[in-house]
């Protein structure tokens, strides 16, 4: 594992912790897009289909479990928690997020490394993750009310994506066996 991957994982973990901190301690999800959270839950559910079949390392397994668990718990908090749910502004969070799922799936079916179920789902998760933040950005643009924790969450998500791009670039130039098509 290289420094960019580790920094990306830690930045992503920090973004999730900031969001869970906001939701759990303040009992509010104001300014948070449920639609983005549903997309991230779908991203991790499709990316980590191999969690119980392909063991890579303890670290890898733990991180997969953390991202799966946190994604689904955030969605649960926003949809089902009696107090948190009341702060969700459904009228402002109107991005039609399911319309970006289908193009990502079609793209994954057309452009992938190997046409197997796991590979197509993994590829789909990459495409979907690239656009999963859009409902959150649209919500922030509409409401124009960004609290400190929501701003930190969005910033950390952006930093995470930048670090993962650096990870892929680094691996491409330093690992002989890493000739990846993406």
N, C-alpha and C. Protein backbone atom coordinates (compact mmCIF):
# COMPACT_ATOMS: atom_id res chain seq x y z
N UNK A 1 0.85 -1.17 0.00
CA UNK A 1 0.00 0.00 0.00
C UNK A 1 0.90 1.24 0.00
N UNK A 2 0.50 2.23 -0.79
CA UNK A 2 1.31 3.45 -0.87
C UNK A 2 0.67 4.56 -0.03
N UNK A 3 1.40 5.64 0.11
CA UNK A 3 0.98 6.75 0.96
C UNK A 3 -0.31 7.41 0.45
N UNK A 4 -0.49 7.43 -0.87
CA UNK A 4 -1.70 8.05 -1.42
C UNK A 4 -2.95 7.23 -1.08
N UNK A 5 -2.83 5.92 -1.15
CA UNK A 5 -3.96 5.05 -0.81
C UNK A 5 -4.30 5.19 0.67
N UNK A 6 -3.29 5.15 1.52
CA UNK A 6 -3.51 5.27 2.96
C UNK A 6 -4.11 6.63 3.30
N UNK A 7 -3.56 7.68 2.71
CA UNK A 7 -4.09 9.03 2.96
C UNK A 7 -5.51 9.15 2.43
N UNK A 8 -5.79 8.55 1.28
CA UNK A 8 -7.16 8.56 0.74
C UNK A 8 -8.13 7.84 1.64
N UNK A 9 -7.73 6.65 2.12
CA UNK A 9 -8.59 5.91 3.04
C UNK A 9 -8.86 6.70 4.32
N UNK A 10 -7.82 7.30 4.86
CA UNK A 10 -7.98 8.04 6.12
C UNK A 10 -8.83 9.31 5.91
N UNK A 11 -8.66 9.95 4.76
CA UNK A 11 -9.47 11.13 4.46
C UNK A 11 -10.93 10.74 4.28
N UNK A 12 -11.16 9.63 3.60
CA UNK A 12 -12.53 9.15 3.43
C UNK A 12 -13.13 8.76 4.77
N UNK A 13 -12.36 8.07 5.59
CA UNK A 13 -12.82 7.71 6.92
C UNK A 13 -13.14 8.97 7.74
N UNK A 14 -12.30 9.98 7.63
CA UNK A 14 -12.55 11.24 8.35
C UNK A 14 -13.85 11.89 7.87
N UNK A 15 -14.12 11.84 6.57
CA UNK A 15 -15.36 12.44 6.05
C UNK A 15 -16.57 11.72 6.62
N UNK A 16 -16.50 10.41 6.69
CA UNK A 16 -17.61 9.62 7.24
C UNK A 16 -17.78 9.92 8.73
N UNK A 17 -16.66 10.02 9.46
CA UNK A 17 -16.74 10.31 10.89
C UNK A 17 -17.31 11.70 11.15
N UNK A 18 -16.92 12.67 10.33
CA UNK A 18 -17.47 14.02 10.48
C UNK A 18 -18.99 13.99 10.27
N UNK A 19 -19.43 13.27 9.24
CA UNK A 19 -20.86 13.19 8.96
C UNK A 19 -21.60 12.46 10.08
N UNK A 20 -21.06 11.34 10.53
CA UNK A 20 -21.70 10.61 11.64
C UNK A 20 -21.69 11.44 12.92
N UNK A 21 -20.63 12.19 13.15
CA UNK A 21 -20.56 13.07 14.32
C UNK A 21 -21.69 14.09 14.27
N UNK A 22 -21.87 14.70 13.11
CA UNK A 22 -22.95 15.68 12.96
C UNK A 22 -24.30 15.04 13.23
N UNK A 23 -24.55 13.92 12.58
CA UNK A 23 -25.86 13.28 12.70
C UNK A 23 -26.10 12.77 14.11
N UNK A 24 -25.11 12.13 14.71
CA UNK A 24 -25.32 11.50 16.02
C UNK A 24 -25.35 12.51 17.17
N UNK A 25 -24.45 13.48 17.16
CA UNK A 25 -24.39 14.40 18.30
C UNK A 25 -25.39 15.54 18.20
N UNK A 26 -25.55 16.09 17.01
CA UNK A 26 -26.46 17.23 16.83
C UNK A 26 -27.88 16.75 16.58
N UNK A 27 -28.03 15.47 16.21
CA UNK A 27 -29.32 14.87 15.87
C UNK A 27 -29.97 15.63 14.71
N UNK A 28 -29.13 15.95 13.72
CA UNK A 28 -29.61 16.68 12.57
C UNK A 28 -28.88 16.22 11.31
N UNK A 29 -29.62 16.17 10.23
CA UNK A 29 -29.02 15.88 8.92
C UNK A 29 -29.27 17.05 7.97
N UNK A 30 -29.55 18.21 8.54
CA UNK A 30 -29.77 19.40 7.72
C UNK A 30 -28.57 19.66 6.84
N UNK A 31 -28.83 19.90 5.56
CA UNK A 31 -27.76 20.16 4.61
C UNK A 31 -27.12 18.92 4.03
N UNK A 32 -27.59 17.75 4.43
CA UNK A 32 -27.04 16.49 3.92
C UNK A 32 -28.03 15.89 2.93
N UNK A 33 -27.53 15.46 1.79
CA UNK A 33 -28.36 14.86 0.76
C UNK A 33 -28.51 13.36 1.00
N UNK A 34 -29.72 12.93 1.27
CA UNK A 34 -30.01 11.51 1.39
C UNK A 34 -29.69 10.80 0.08
N UNK A 35 -29.92 11.46 -1.00
CA UNK A 35 -29.70 10.84 -2.31
C UNK A 35 -28.22 10.54 -2.54
N UNK A 36 -27.34 11.43 -2.12
CA UNK A 36 -25.91 11.15 -2.21
C UNK A 36 -25.56 9.97 -1.31
N UNK A 37 -26.14 9.93 -0.13
CA UNK A 37 -25.83 8.84 0.80
C UNK A 37 -26.33 7.50 0.26
N UNK A 38 -27.48 7.50 -0.40
CA UNK A 38 -27.98 6.26 -1.02
C UNK A 38 -27.06 5.82 -2.15
N UNK A 39 -26.56 6.78 -2.91
CA UNK A 39 -25.63 6.44 -4.00
C UNK A 39 -24.33 5.85 -3.44
N UNK A 40 -23.81 6.43 -2.37
CA UNK A 40 -22.59 5.88 -1.77
C UNK A 40 -22.84 4.48 -1.20
N UNK A 41 -23.99 4.25 -0.61
CA UNK A 41 -24.31 2.90 -0.12
C UNK A 41 -24.33 1.91 -1.29
N UNK A 42 -24.89 2.32 -2.41
CA UNK A 42 -24.91 1.48 -3.60
C UNK A 42 -23.49 1.28 -4.15
N UNK A 43 -22.68 2.31 -4.12
CA UNK A 43 -21.28 2.21 -4.57
C UNK A 43 -20.56 1.13 -3.78
N UNK A 44 -20.65 1.19 -2.46
CA UNK A 44 -19.90 0.24 -1.64
C UNK A 44 -20.51 -1.16 -1.66
N UNK A 45 -21.82 -1.25 -1.78
CA UNK A 45 -22.46 -2.57 -1.88
C UNK A 45 -22.04 -3.29 -3.16
N UNK A 46 -21.88 -2.56 -4.25
CA UNK A 46 -21.48 -3.19 -5.51
C UNK A 46 -19.96 -3.36 -5.60
N UNK A 47 -19.21 -2.51 -4.95
CA UNK A 47 -17.74 -2.62 -5.01
C UNK A 47 -17.21 -3.76 -4.14
N UNK A 48 -17.85 -3.98 -3.02
CA UNK A 48 -17.31 -4.94 -2.06
C UNK A 48 -18.05 -6.27 -2.07
N UNK A 49 -18.50 -6.70 -3.22
CA UNK A 49 -19.16 -8.00 -3.34
C UNK A 49 -18.22 -9.15 -2.97
N UNK A 50 -16.93 -8.90 -3.04
CA UNK A 50 -15.94 -9.95 -2.77
C UNK A 50 -15.50 -10.01 -1.31
N UNK A 51 -16.17 -9.30 -0.44
CA UNK A 51 -15.69 -9.16 0.93
C UNK A 51 -15.52 -10.49 1.66
N UNK A 52 -16.38 -11.44 1.37
CA UNK A 52 -16.28 -12.72 2.07
C UNK A 52 -15.67 -13.83 1.21
N UNK A 53 -15.29 -13.51 -0.01
CA UNK A 53 -14.71 -14.54 -0.89
C UNK A 53 -13.23 -14.30 -1.19
N UNK A 54 -12.79 -13.05 -1.23
CA UNK A 54 -11.39 -12.74 -1.55
C UNK A 54 -10.76 -11.99 -0.39
N UNK A 55 -9.94 -12.67 0.37
CA UNK A 55 -9.25 -12.03 1.48
C UNK A 55 -7.96 -11.41 0.97
N UNK A 56 -7.79 -10.12 1.19
CA UNK A 56 -6.57 -9.42 0.78
C UNK A 56 -5.71 -9.14 2.01
N UNK A 57 -6.32 -8.51 3.00
CA UNK A 57 -5.62 -8.22 4.25
C UNK A 57 -6.64 -7.86 5.31
N UNK A 58 -6.20 -7.88 6.55
CA UNK A 58 -7.08 -7.49 7.66
C UNK A 58 -7.51 -6.03 7.50
N UNK A 59 -6.55 -5.18 7.16
CA UNK A 59 -6.83 -3.75 6.94
C UNK A 59 -7.90 -3.56 5.87
N UNK A 60 -7.74 -4.25 4.74
CA UNK A 60 -8.68 -4.13 3.63
C UNK A 60 -10.08 -4.57 4.04
N UNK A 61 -10.17 -5.67 4.73
CA UNK A 61 -11.47 -6.19 5.17
C UNK A 61 -12.14 -5.24 6.16
N UNK A 62 -11.38 -4.74 7.10
CA UNK A 62 -11.93 -3.81 8.10
C UNK A 62 -12.43 -2.53 7.43
N UNK A 63 -11.64 -1.99 6.49
CA UNK A 63 -12.06 -0.76 5.81
C UNK A 63 -13.33 -0.99 4.99
N UNK A 64 -13.42 -2.14 4.33
CA UNK A 64 -14.63 -2.46 3.57
C UNK A 64 -15.84 -2.52 4.50
N UNK A 65 -15.69 -3.18 5.64
CA UNK A 65 -16.80 -3.29 6.60
C UNK A 65 -17.19 -1.92 7.15
N UNK A 66 -16.20 -1.09 7.42
CA UNK A 66 -16.47 0.26 7.94
C UNK A 66 -17.25 1.08 6.90
N UNK A 67 -16.81 1.05 5.65
CA UNK A 67 -17.48 1.86 4.63
C UNK A 67 -18.88 1.33 4.31
N UNK A 68 -19.03 0.02 4.30
CA UNK A 68 -20.38 -0.54 4.10
C UNK A 68 -21.29 -0.19 5.26
N UNK A 69 -20.82 -0.45 6.48
CA UNK A 69 -21.64 -0.19 7.66
C UNK A 69 -21.98 1.27 7.84
N UNK A 70 -21.01 2.14 7.64
CA UNK A 70 -21.26 3.57 7.83
C UNK A 70 -22.22 4.11 6.76
N UNK A 71 -22.06 3.66 5.53
CA UNK A 71 -22.95 4.13 4.46
C UNK A 71 -24.40 3.77 4.73
N UNK A 72 -24.62 2.53 5.08
CA UNK A 72 -25.99 2.10 5.34
C UNK A 72 -26.54 2.69 6.64
N UNK A 73 -25.68 2.91 7.63
CA UNK A 73 -26.17 3.51 8.88
C UNK A 73 -26.53 4.98 8.67
N UNK A 74 -25.81 5.70 7.83
CA UNK A 74 -26.15 7.09 7.53
C UNK A 74 -27.50 7.15 6.83
N UNK A 75 -27.70 6.27 5.86
CA UNK A 75 -29.00 6.22 5.17
C UNK A 75 -30.11 5.90 6.18
N UNK A 76 -29.85 4.94 7.07
CA UNK A 76 -30.85 4.58 8.07
C UNK A 76 -31.17 5.77 8.97
N UNK A 77 -30.13 6.45 9.45
CA UNK A 77 -30.34 7.63 10.31
C UNK A 77 -31.25 8.65 9.63
N UNK A 78 -30.95 8.97 8.38
CA UNK A 78 -31.72 10.01 7.69
C UNK A 78 -33.14 9.55 7.42
N UNK A 79 -33.33 8.28 7.08
CA UNK A 79 -34.66 7.80 6.72
C UNK A 79 -35.51 7.38 7.92
N UNK A 80 -34.91 6.82 8.94
CA UNK A 80 -35.69 6.14 9.99
C UNK A 80 -35.57 6.71 11.40
N UNK A 81 -34.47 7.37 11.72
CA UNK A 81 -34.30 7.87 13.10
C UNK A 81 -35.36 8.94 13.37
N UNK A 82 -36.08 8.80 14.45
CA UNK A 82 -37.22 9.69 14.73
C UNK A 82 -36.84 11.16 14.76
N UNK A 83 -35.74 11.49 15.39
CA UNK A 83 -35.36 12.90 15.53
C UNK A 83 -34.60 13.39 14.29
N UNK A 84 -33.63 12.61 13.84
CA UNK A 84 -32.80 13.03 12.71
C UNK A 84 -33.64 13.18 11.44
N UNK A 85 -34.57 12.28 11.24
CA UNK A 85 -35.41 12.31 10.03
C UNK A 85 -36.17 13.63 9.90
N UNK A 86 -36.57 14.20 11.02
CA UNK A 86 -37.32 15.47 10.98
C UNK A 86 -36.51 16.63 10.41
N UNK A 87 -35.18 16.55 10.49
CA UNK A 87 -34.36 17.64 9.99
C UNK A 87 -34.00 17.48 8.50
N UNK A 88 -34.41 16.38 7.91
CA UNK A 88 -34.13 16.16 6.49
C UNK A 88 -35.09 16.99 5.65
N UNK A 89 -34.54 17.78 4.72
CA UNK A 89 -35.34 18.66 3.88
C UNK A 89 -35.56 18.01 2.51
N UNK A 90 -36.60 17.22 2.43
CA UNK A 90 -36.91 16.49 1.20
C UNK A 90 -37.24 17.44 0.05
N UNK A 91 -37.81 18.57 0.36
CA UNK A 91 -38.19 19.53 -0.68
C UNK A 91 -36.99 20.16 -1.38
N UNK A 92 -35.86 20.25 -0.69
CA UNK A 92 -34.64 20.81 -1.30
C UNK A 92 -33.78 19.74 -1.95
N UNK A 93 -33.86 18.50 -1.47
CA UNK A 93 -33.05 17.40 -1.98
C UNK A 93 -33.81 16.69 -3.10
N UNK A 94 -33.89 17.36 -4.26
CA UNK A 94 -34.76 16.87 -5.34
C UNK A 94 -33.99 16.33 -6.55
N UNK A 95 -32.70 16.19 -6.44
CA UNK A 95 -31.91 15.66 -7.55
C UNK A 95 -32.41 14.25 -7.88
N UNK A 96 -32.65 13.99 -9.13
CA UNK A 96 -33.14 12.67 -9.55
C UNK A 96 -31.96 11.71 -9.69
N UNK A 97 -31.54 11.23 -8.56
CA UNK A 97 -30.30 10.45 -8.49
C UNK A 97 -30.37 9.11 -9.21
N UNK A 98 -31.53 8.54 -9.35
CA UNK A 98 -31.62 7.24 -10.02
C UNK A 98 -31.37 7.38 -11.52
N UNK A 99 -31.49 8.61 -12.05
CA UNK A 99 -31.21 8.81 -13.47
C UNK A 99 -29.72 8.78 -13.79
N UNK A 100 -28.87 8.89 -12.78
CA UNK A 100 -27.43 8.74 -13.05
C UNK A 100 -26.97 7.30 -12.81
N UNK A 101 -27.80 6.51 -12.16
CA UNK A 101 -27.43 5.10 -11.93
C UNK A 101 -27.46 4.32 -13.24
N UNK A 102 -28.49 4.50 -14.02
CA UNK A 102 -28.63 3.73 -15.26
C UNK A 102 -27.49 4.01 -16.25
N UNK A 103 -27.13 5.27 -16.53
CA UNK A 103 -25.98 5.48 -17.43
C UNK A 103 -24.68 4.87 -16.90
N UNK A 104 -24.48 4.90 -15.59
CA UNK A 104 -23.28 4.29 -15.02
C UNK A 104 -23.28 2.78 -15.22
N UNK A 105 -24.45 2.18 -15.07
CA UNK A 105 -24.56 0.73 -15.28
C UNK A 105 -24.33 0.37 -16.75
N UNK A 106 -24.92 1.13 -17.65
CA UNK A 106 -24.73 0.88 -19.09
C UNK A 106 -23.25 1.05 -19.45
N UNK A 107 -22.63 2.09 -18.95
CA UNK A 107 -21.21 2.32 -19.21
C UNK A 107 -20.36 1.16 -18.67
N UNK A 108 -20.70 0.67 -17.49
CA UNK A 108 -19.97 -0.46 -16.91
C UNK A 108 -20.16 -1.73 -17.73
N UNK A 109 -21.33 -1.90 -18.30
CA UNK A 109 -21.57 -3.07 -19.15
C UNK A 109 -20.79 -2.98 -20.45
N UNK A 110 -20.58 -1.76 -20.93
CA UNK A 110 -19.88 -1.57 -22.20
C UNK A 110 -18.37 -1.47 -22.05
N UNK A 111 -17.92 -0.80 -20.99
CA UNK A 111 -16.50 -0.55 -20.81
C UNK A 111 -16.06 -1.14 -19.48
N UNK A 112 -15.44 -2.30 -19.54
CA UNK A 112 -14.93 -2.98 -18.35
C UNK A 112 -13.72 -3.80 -18.75
N UNK A 113 -12.99 -4.27 -17.76
CA UNK A 113 -11.78 -5.05 -18.06
C UNK A 113 -12.14 -6.48 -18.45
N UNK A 114 -13.04 -7.10 -17.71
CA UNK A 114 -13.51 -8.46 -18.00
C UNK A 114 -15.01 -8.47 -17.79
N UNK A 115 -15.72 -9.15 -18.65
CA UNK A 115 -17.18 -9.17 -18.55
C UNK A 115 -17.63 -10.30 -17.62
N UNK A 116 -17.39 -10.06 -16.32
CA UNK A 116 -17.91 -10.95 -15.28
C UNK A 116 -18.78 -10.11 -14.37
N UNK A 117 -19.64 -10.76 -13.61
CA UNK A 117 -20.56 -10.02 -12.74
C UNK A 117 -19.80 -9.12 -11.76
N UNK A 118 -18.83 -9.69 -11.04
CA UNK A 118 -18.09 -8.89 -10.04
C UNK A 118 -17.33 -7.74 -10.69
N UNK A 119 -16.73 -8.00 -11.84
CA UNK A 119 -15.96 -6.95 -12.53
C UNK A 119 -16.86 -5.83 -13.02
N UNK A 120 -18.01 -6.18 -13.57
CA UNK A 120 -18.95 -5.16 -14.05
C UNK A 120 -19.47 -4.35 -12.86
N UNK A 121 -19.79 -5.02 -11.76
CA UNK A 121 -20.28 -4.29 -10.57
C UNK A 121 -19.20 -3.40 -9.99
N UNK A 122 -17.95 -3.88 -9.99
CA UNK A 122 -16.85 -3.07 -9.49
C UNK A 122 -16.66 -1.83 -10.38
N UNK A 123 -16.71 -2.04 -11.69
CA UNK A 123 -16.59 -0.94 -12.64
C UNK A 123 -17.75 0.04 -12.48
N UNK A 124 -18.96 -0.50 -12.33
CA UNK A 124 -20.14 0.34 -12.08
C UNK A 124 -19.92 1.20 -10.84
N UNK A 125 -19.36 0.62 -9.78
CA UNK A 125 -19.15 1.38 -8.54
C UNK A 125 -18.17 2.52 -8.76
N UNK A 126 -17.17 2.31 -9.62
CA UNK A 126 -16.22 3.40 -9.92
C UNK A 126 -16.91 4.55 -10.65
N UNK A 127 -17.68 4.20 -11.67
CA UNK A 127 -18.39 5.23 -12.43
C UNK A 127 -19.39 5.97 -11.55
N UNK A 128 -20.12 5.21 -10.74
CA UNK A 128 -21.13 5.84 -9.88
C UNK A 128 -20.49 6.72 -8.81
N UNK A 129 -19.38 6.27 -8.25
CA UNK A 129 -18.72 7.08 -7.22
C UNK A 129 -18.26 8.43 -7.77
N UNK A 130 -17.91 8.45 -9.05
CA UNK A 130 -17.46 9.70 -9.66
C UNK A 130 -18.55 10.76 -9.69
N UNK A 131 -19.81 10.35 -9.71
CA UNK A 131 -20.92 11.30 -9.79
C UNK A 131 -21.82 11.30 -8.56
N UNK A 132 -21.51 10.47 -7.57
CA UNK A 132 -22.37 10.33 -6.39
C UNK A 132 -22.48 11.62 -5.58
N UNK A 133 -21.52 12.49 -5.67
CA UNK A 133 -21.53 13.73 -4.90
C UNK A 133 -22.46 14.78 -5.51
N UNK A 134 -22.89 14.59 -6.74
CA UNK A 134 -23.71 15.61 -7.43
C UNK A 134 -24.97 16.01 -6.65
N UNK A 135 -25.78 15.08 -6.13
CA UNK A 135 -26.96 15.52 -5.37
C UNK A 135 -26.58 16.40 -4.16
N UNK A 136 -25.46 16.08 -3.50
CA UNK A 136 -25.02 16.88 -2.36
C UNK A 136 -24.63 18.29 -2.81
N UNK A 137 -23.92 18.40 -3.91
CA UNK A 137 -23.52 19.71 -4.41
C UNK A 137 -24.72 20.54 -4.85
N UNK A 138 -25.69 19.89 -5.49
CA UNK A 138 -26.91 20.59 -5.90
C UNK A 138 -27.68 21.08 -4.68
N UNK A 139 -27.77 20.23 -3.66
CA UNK A 139 -28.46 20.63 -2.42
C UNK A 139 -27.77 21.83 -1.77
N UNK A 140 -26.46 21.79 -1.69
CA UNK A 140 -25.73 22.92 -1.09
C UNK A 140 -25.91 24.19 -1.91
N UNK A 141 -25.94 24.06 -3.23
CA UNK A 141 -26.12 25.22 -4.09
C UNK A 141 -27.53 25.80 -3.92
N UNK A 142 -28.51 24.94 -3.75
CA UNK A 142 -29.90 25.40 -3.57
C UNK A 142 -30.10 26.08 -2.23
N UNK A 143 -29.62 25.46 -1.17
CA UNK A 143 -29.89 26.00 0.16
C UNK A 143 -28.97 27.15 0.53
N UNK A 144 -27.76 27.14 -0.02
CA UNK A 144 -26.76 28.17 0.28
C UNK A 144 -26.50 28.34 1.77
N UNK A 145 -26.84 27.32 2.53
CA UNK A 145 -26.63 27.33 3.97
C UNK A 145 -25.75 26.14 4.32
N UNK A 146 -24.46 26.39 4.40
CA UNK A 146 -23.51 25.31 4.64
C UNK A 146 -22.94 25.47 6.05
N UNK A 147 -23.30 24.55 6.94
CA UNK A 147 -22.72 24.62 8.28
C UNK A 147 -21.30 24.05 8.24
N UNK A 148 -20.59 24.25 9.31
CA UNK A 148 -19.18 23.89 9.39
C UNK A 148 -18.95 22.40 9.12
N UNK A 149 -19.70 21.53 9.78
CA UNK A 149 -19.49 20.09 9.62
C UNK A 149 -19.85 19.61 8.22
N UNK A 150 -20.89 20.15 7.62
CA UNK A 150 -21.25 19.77 6.25
C UNK A 150 -20.17 20.21 5.29
N UNK A 151 -19.65 21.41 5.47
CA UNK A 151 -18.55 21.90 4.63
C UNK A 151 -17.31 21.03 4.77
N UNK A 152 -16.98 20.63 6.00
CA UNK A 152 -15.83 19.75 6.21
C UNK A 152 -16.06 18.40 5.55
N UNK A 153 -17.27 17.87 5.65
CA UNK A 153 -17.60 16.59 5.03
C UNK A 153 -17.37 16.65 3.51
N UNK A 154 -17.89 17.67 2.86
CA UNK A 154 -17.75 17.80 1.40
C UNK A 154 -16.29 18.02 1.02
N UNK A 155 -15.58 18.83 1.79
CA UNK A 155 -14.15 19.05 1.51
C UNK A 155 -13.37 17.74 1.62
N UNK A 156 -13.61 16.98 2.67
CA UNK A 156 -12.89 15.72 2.87
C UNK A 156 -13.22 14.70 1.78
N UNK A 157 -14.46 14.69 1.31
CA UNK A 157 -14.81 13.80 0.19
C UNK A 157 -14.04 14.17 -1.07
N UNK A 158 -13.93 15.45 -1.33
CA UNK A 158 -13.16 15.90 -2.49
C UNK A 158 -11.69 15.57 -2.35
N UNK A 159 -11.14 15.74 -1.16
CA UNK A 159 -9.73 15.40 -0.93
C UNK A 159 -9.51 13.90 -1.09
N UNK A 160 -10.45 13.11 -0.64
CA UNK A 160 -10.37 11.66 -0.79
C UNK A 160 -10.29 11.27 -2.26
N UNK A 161 -11.14 11.86 -3.09
CA UNK A 161 -11.13 11.54 -4.52
C UNK A 161 -9.79 11.95 -5.16
N UNK A 162 -9.29 13.11 -4.80
CA UNK A 162 -8.01 13.57 -5.35
C UNK A 162 -6.88 12.64 -4.96
N UNK A 163 -6.87 12.18 -3.72
CA UNK A 163 -5.83 11.26 -3.27
C UNK A 163 -5.92 9.91 -3.97
N UNK A 164 -7.12 9.46 -4.25
CA UNK A 164 -7.26 8.18 -4.96
C UNK A 164 -6.81 8.29 -6.41
N UNK A 165 -7.01 9.43 -7.02
CA UNK A 165 -6.49 9.63 -8.37
C UNK A 165 -4.96 9.59 -8.33
N UNK A 166 -4.37 10.24 -7.34
CA UNK A 166 -2.92 10.20 -7.18
C UNK A 166 -2.44 8.78 -6.91
N UNK A 167 -3.22 7.99 -6.16
CA UNK A 167 -2.89 6.59 -5.91
C UNK A 167 -2.82 5.81 -7.21
N UNK A 168 -3.81 5.99 -8.09
CA UNK A 168 -3.83 5.27 -9.36
C UNK A 168 -2.65 5.69 -10.24
N UNK A 169 -2.37 6.98 -10.27
CA UNK A 169 -1.24 7.47 -11.07
C UNK A 169 0.07 6.90 -10.52
N UNK A 170 0.24 6.95 -9.22
CA UNK A 170 1.45 6.43 -8.58
C UNK A 170 1.62 4.94 -8.89
N UNK A 171 0.56 4.18 -8.75
CA UNK A 171 0.63 2.72 -9.01
C UNK A 171 0.93 2.44 -10.48
N UNK A 172 0.38 3.23 -11.36
CA UNK A 172 0.63 3.02 -12.79
C UNK A 172 2.12 3.16 -13.11
N UNK A 173 2.78 4.14 -12.49
CA UNK A 173 4.18 4.40 -12.80
C UNK A 173 5.17 3.60 -11.95
N UNK A 174 4.73 3.02 -10.85
CA UNK A 174 5.68 2.34 -9.96
C UNK A 174 5.51 0.83 -9.88
N UNK A 175 4.37 0.30 -10.25
CA UNK A 175 4.14 -1.15 -10.15
C UNK A 175 4.10 -1.76 -11.54
N UNK A 176 5.01 -2.67 -11.79
CA UNK A 176 5.09 -3.29 -13.11
C UNK A 176 3.80 -4.02 -13.48
N UNK A 177 3.22 -4.70 -12.52
CA UNK A 177 2.00 -5.48 -12.80
C UNK A 177 0.73 -4.64 -12.82
N UNK A 178 0.84 -3.36 -12.47
CA UNK A 178 -0.36 -2.51 -12.40
C UNK A 178 -0.55 -1.76 -13.71
N UNK A 179 -1.06 -2.43 -14.67
CA UNK A 179 -1.42 -1.78 -15.92
C UNK A 179 -2.93 -1.90 -15.99
N UNK A 180 -3.56 -0.90 -15.47
CA UNK A 180 -5.01 -0.92 -15.35
C UNK A 180 -5.63 -0.06 -16.44
N UNK A 181 -6.76 -0.44 -16.90
CA UNK A 181 -7.40 0.25 -18.02
C UNK A 181 -8.08 1.53 -17.63
N UNK A 182 -8.27 1.79 -16.35
CA UNK A 182 -8.97 3.02 -15.95
C UNK A 182 -7.95 4.11 -15.72
